C-alpha atoms as a PDB file:
ATOM      1  CA  MET A   1      27.061  -5.981  71.181  1.00  0.00           C
ATOM      2  CA  THR A   2      30.259  -4.169  71.212  1.00  0.00           C
ATOM      3  CA  VAL A   3      30.355  -0.384  70.737  1.00  0.00           C
ATOM      4  CA  ARG A   4      33.458   1.026  68.805  1.00  0.00           C
ATOM      5  CA  SER A   5      34.453   4.429  68.075  1.00  0.00           C
ATOM      6  CA  VAL A   6      36.642   5.688  65.249  1.00  0.00           C
ATOM      7  CA  ILE A   7      38.073   9.132  65.526  1.00  0.00           C
ATOM      8  CA  ARG A   8      40.135  10.552  62.613  1.00  0.00           C
ATOM      9  CA  HIS A   9      41.773  13.934  62.486  1.00  0.00           C
ATOM     10  CA  ALA A  10      42.269  16.000  59.253  1.00  0.00           C
ATOM     11  CA  ASP A  11      43.699  19.414  58.532  1.00  0.00           C
ATOM     12  CA  ARG A  12      40.776  21.114  56.970  1.00  0.00           C
ATOM     13  CA  THR A  13      39.215  24.465  57.115  1.00  0.00           C
ATOM     14  CA  VAL A  14      35.761  25.358  55.691  1.00  0.00           C
ATOM     15  CA  GLY A  15      35.409  29.047  54.614  1.00  0.00           C
ATOM     16  CA  PRO A  16      34.181  31.222  51.858  1.00  0.00           C
ATOM     17  CA  ASP A  17      35.791  31.056  48.478  1.00  0.00           C
ATOM     18  CA  ARG A  18      38.055  34.108  47.998  1.00  0.00           C
ATOM     19  CA  GLU A  19      38.981  33.688  44.443  1.00  0.00           C
ATOM     20  CA  PRO A  20      38.118  36.697  42.253  1.00  0.00           C
ATOM     21  CA  GLY A  21      34.651  36.412  40.809  1.00  0.00           C
ATOM     22  CA  ALA A  22      33.515  33.766  43.333  1.00  0.00           C
ATOM     23  CA  PRO A  23      29.844  34.056  44.557  1.00  0.00           C
ATOM     24  CA  GLY A  24      29.265  35.158  48.223  1.00  0.00           C
ATOM     25  CA  PRO A  25      27.384  33.084  50.750  1.00  0.00           C
ATOM     26  CA  VAL A  26      23.657  32.263  50.367  1.00  0.00           C
ATOM     27  CA  TYR A  27      21.460  32.452  53.590  1.00  0.00           C
ATOM     28  CA  GLU A  28      18.257  30.396  54.043  1.00  0.00           C
ATOM     29  CA  ALA A  29      16.182  29.374  56.967  1.00  0.00           C
ATOM     30  CA  GLU A  30      14.019  26.126  57.551  1.00  0.00           C
ATOM     31  CA  CYS A  31      11.453  25.296  60.110  1.00  0.00           C
ATOM     32  CA  THR A  32      12.350  22.000  61.801  1.00  0.00           C
ATOM     33  CA  THR A  33       8.667  21.288  62.557  1.00  0.00           C
ATOM     34  CA  CYS A  34       6.871  21.802  59.179  1.00  0.00           C
ATOM     35  CA  ARG A  35       9.924  21.938  56.889  1.00  0.00           C
ATOM     36  CA  GLU A  36       8.731  25.230  55.312  1.00  0.00           C
ATOM     37  CA  SER A  37      11.709  27.459  54.175  1.00  0.00           C
ATOM     38  CA  SER A  38      12.448  31.020  53.612  1.00  0.00           C
ATOM     39  CA  GLU A  39      13.684  32.383  50.087  1.00  0.00           C
ATOM     40  CA  ALA A  40      17.500  32.240  49.595  1.00  0.00           C
ATOM     41  CA  ALA A  41      19.150  35.519  50.066  1.00  0.00           C
ATOM     42  CA  GLU A  42      22.606  37.099  49.871  1.00  0.00           C
ATOM     43  CA  ARG A  43      22.091  38.868  53.210  1.00  0.00           C
ATOM     44  CA  PRO A  44      21.156  37.064  56.275  1.00  0.00           C
ATOM     45  CA  THR A  45      18.432  39.568  57.312  1.00  0.00           C
ATOM     46  CA  PRO A  46      15.476  38.336  55.089  1.00  0.00           C
ATOM     47  CA  PRO A  47      15.809  34.700  56.363  1.00  0.00           C
ATOM     48  CA  GLU A  48      16.048  35.903  60.048  1.00  0.00           C
ATOM     49  CA  ASP A  49      12.984  38.033  59.487  1.00  0.00           C
ATOM     50  CA  TRP A  50      11.075  35.058  57.933  1.00  0.00           C
ATOM     51  CA  ALA A  51      12.017  32.752  60.959  1.00  0.00           C
ATOM     52  CA  ARG A  52      10.743  35.370  63.445  1.00  0.00           C
END
């Protein structure tokens, strides 16, 4: 068996949409053990509290 790697570079940036009227980010947390998840929120605090 031969192992090959392909590495490609692209000029990309991931970030928030800054257009007027664009929605803000949505925060949510998920347990990696049982897959239960928090409610989605516009602030990071509720999902962080759920995770604790």
